N, C-alpha and C. Protein backbone atom coordinates (compact mmCIF):
# COMPACT_ATOMS: atom_id res chain seq x y z
N MET A 1 1.11 2.79 3.21
CA MET A 1 1.20 3.67 4.36
C MET A 1 -0.17 3.72 5.04
N SER A 2 -0.14 3.78 6.36
CA SER A 2 -1.38 3.89 7.10
C SER A 2 -1.91 5.32 7.00
N GLU A 3 -3.15 5.52 7.40
CA GLU A 3 -3.74 6.86 7.38
C GLU A 3 -2.95 7.81 8.27
N ARG A 4 -2.50 7.32 9.41
CA ARG A 4 -1.71 8.13 10.33
C ARG A 4 -0.40 8.58 9.67
N GLU A 5 0.25 7.67 8.96
CA GLU A 5 1.50 7.99 8.28
C GLU A 5 1.28 9.00 7.16
N VAL A 6 0.16 8.89 6.45
CA VAL A 6 -0.16 9.84 5.39
C VAL A 6 -0.38 11.23 5.98
N ASN A 7 -1.12 11.30 7.08
CA ASN A 7 -1.34 12.59 7.74
C ASN A 7 -0.03 13.19 8.22
N ARG A 8 0.82 12.36 8.79
CA ARG A 8 2.12 12.83 9.26
C ARG A 8 2.95 13.36 8.09
N PHE A 9 2.93 12.64 6.98
CA PHE A 9 3.65 13.08 5.79
C PHE A 9 3.18 14.46 5.34
N GLU A 10 1.87 14.66 5.32
CA GLU A 10 1.31 15.92 4.84
C GLU A 10 1.78 17.10 5.69
N VAL A 11 1.74 16.96 7.02
CA VAL A 11 2.14 18.09 7.87
C VAL A 11 3.66 18.28 7.87
N ILE A 12 4.43 17.21 7.77
CA ILE A 12 5.89 17.35 7.69
C ILE A 12 6.27 18.04 6.39
N ALA A 13 5.57 17.72 5.31
CA ALA A 13 5.82 18.39 4.03
C ALA A 13 5.51 19.88 4.13
N GLN A 14 4.48 20.23 4.88
CA GLN A 14 4.14 21.64 5.08
C GLN A 14 5.23 22.37 5.85
N ILE A 15 5.85 21.70 6.81
CA ILE A 15 6.97 22.31 7.54
C ILE A 15 8.13 22.54 6.57
N ALA A 16 8.43 21.52 5.75
CA ALA A 16 9.54 21.62 4.82
C ALA A 16 9.34 22.78 3.83
N ARG A 17 8.09 23.07 3.51
CA ARG A 17 7.78 24.19 2.60
C ARG A 17 7.69 25.53 3.34
N GLY A 18 7.81 25.50 4.66
CA GLY A 18 7.78 26.73 5.45
C GLY A 18 6.38 27.22 5.78
N GLU A 19 5.39 26.37 5.61
CA GLU A 19 4.00 26.76 5.86
C GLU A 19 3.61 26.61 7.33
N LEU A 20 4.25 25.71 8.05
CA LEU A 20 3.96 25.47 9.46
C LEU A 20 5.27 25.46 10.25
N THR A 21 5.16 25.58 11.57
CA THR A 21 6.35 25.53 12.43
C THR A 21 6.44 24.18 13.13
N ASN A 22 7.64 23.84 13.58
CA ASN A 22 7.85 22.60 14.32
C ASN A 22 6.97 22.56 15.57
N LEU A 23 6.88 23.68 16.26
CA LEU A 23 6.12 23.73 17.50
C LEU A 23 4.64 23.51 17.26
N SER A 24 4.08 24.15 16.24
CA SER A 24 2.64 23.97 15.98
C SER A 24 2.33 22.54 15.57
N VAL A 25 3.18 21.95 14.76
CA VAL A 25 2.96 20.56 14.34
C VAL A 25 3.21 19.60 15.50
N GLY A 26 4.19 19.92 16.33
CA GLY A 26 4.44 19.10 17.51
C GLY A 26 3.21 19.01 18.39
N ASN A 27 2.55 20.14 18.57
CA ASN A 27 1.31 20.15 19.36
C ASN A 27 0.22 19.35 18.67
N LEU A 28 0.14 19.48 17.36
CA LEU A 28 -0.88 18.77 16.59
C LEU A 28 -0.69 17.26 16.66
N LEU A 29 0.57 16.81 16.52
CA LEU A 29 0.86 15.37 16.50
C LEU A 29 1.23 14.81 17.88
N ASP A 30 1.24 15.67 18.88
CA ASP A 30 1.63 15.29 20.23
C ASP A 30 3.06 14.74 20.28
N LEU A 31 3.97 15.48 19.60
CA LEU A 31 5.39 15.16 19.59
C LEU A 31 6.17 16.41 19.97
N SER A 32 7.40 16.24 20.41
CA SER A 32 8.22 17.39 20.75
C SER A 32 8.73 18.08 19.49
N ALA A 33 9.09 19.36 19.62
CA ALA A 33 9.64 20.09 18.48
C ALA A 33 10.92 19.41 18.00
N ARG A 34 11.68 18.84 18.91
CA ARG A 34 12.91 18.12 18.55
C ARG A 34 12.61 16.91 17.68
N GLN A 35 11.58 16.15 18.05
CA GLN A 35 11.21 14.98 17.26
C GLN A 35 10.72 15.41 15.88
N ILE A 36 9.98 16.50 15.83
CA ILE A 36 9.52 17.02 14.55
C ILE A 36 10.72 17.38 13.68
N SER A 37 11.74 18.00 14.28
CA SER A 37 12.96 18.35 13.53
C SER A 37 13.59 17.11 12.92
N ARG A 38 13.63 16.03 13.68
CA ARG A 38 14.20 14.78 13.17
C ARG A 38 13.38 14.25 12.00
N LEU A 39 12.06 14.32 12.12
CA LEU A 39 11.19 13.85 11.04
C LEU A 39 11.36 14.68 9.78
N VAL A 40 11.48 16.01 9.94
CA VAL A 40 11.68 16.89 8.78
C VAL A 40 13.01 16.57 8.10
N LYS A 41 14.04 16.36 8.90
CA LYS A 41 15.35 16.02 8.35
C LYS A 41 15.27 14.71 7.56
N ARG A 42 14.63 13.71 8.15
CA ARG A 42 14.49 12.41 7.48
C ARG A 42 13.65 12.55 6.21
N TYR A 43 12.61 13.38 6.25
CA TYR A 43 11.77 13.61 5.07
C TYR A 43 12.59 14.25 3.95
N LYS A 44 13.42 15.22 4.30
CA LYS A 44 14.23 15.90 3.29
C LYS A 44 15.27 14.94 2.68
N GLN A 45 15.77 14.01 3.47
CA GLN A 45 16.78 13.07 2.97
C GLN A 45 16.18 11.90 2.21
N GLU A 46 15.05 11.36 2.71
CA GLU A 46 14.52 10.11 2.18
C GLU A 46 13.14 10.21 1.53
N GLY A 47 12.50 11.36 1.63
CA GLY A 47 11.15 11.51 1.10
C GLY A 47 10.12 10.84 2.00
N ALA A 48 8.97 10.57 1.44
CA ALA A 48 7.85 10.01 2.20
C ALA A 48 8.21 8.66 2.83
N SER A 49 9.01 7.87 2.16
CA SER A 49 9.36 6.55 2.70
C SER A 49 10.16 6.67 4.00
N GLY A 50 10.82 7.78 4.20
CA GLY A 50 11.57 7.99 5.44
C GLY A 50 10.69 8.21 6.65
N LEU A 51 9.41 8.48 6.43
CA LEU A 51 8.49 8.71 7.53
C LEU A 51 7.69 7.48 7.92
N ARG A 52 7.83 6.41 7.15
CA ARG A 52 7.11 5.19 7.49
C ARG A 52 7.62 4.62 8.79
N HIS A 53 6.76 3.90 9.48
CA HIS A 53 7.14 3.27 10.74
C HIS A 53 8.32 2.35 10.51
N ARG A 54 9.32 2.47 11.41
CA ARG A 54 10.50 1.63 11.29
C ARG A 54 10.48 0.59 12.41
N MET A 55 10.54 -0.66 12.01
CA MET A 55 10.55 -1.74 12.99
C MET A 55 11.99 -2.14 13.27
N GLN A 56 12.27 -2.41 14.53
CA GLN A 56 13.60 -2.89 14.87
C GLN A 56 13.66 -4.38 14.57
N MET A 57 14.79 -4.76 14.01
CA MET A 57 14.99 -6.16 13.67
C MET A 57 15.93 -6.78 14.70
N ASP A 58 15.54 -7.94 15.20
CA ASP A 58 16.41 -8.67 16.12
C ASP A 58 17.45 -9.44 15.34
N ASP A 59 18.67 -9.44 15.83
CA ASP A 59 19.75 -10.18 15.15
C ASP A 59 19.69 -11.64 15.46
């Protein structure tokens, strides 16, 4: 994981634990609260690996 991904993981984990809000983290990461919600959901389902950058594959 890149340093950026590790930082993202740390703050998303804090949201999942109820320590931070989507809005505050959205401002910190320059993402919308909606996008943060998606990341938290993916984190809860897949763990840290769910937050790694996903590349689109061409068929």
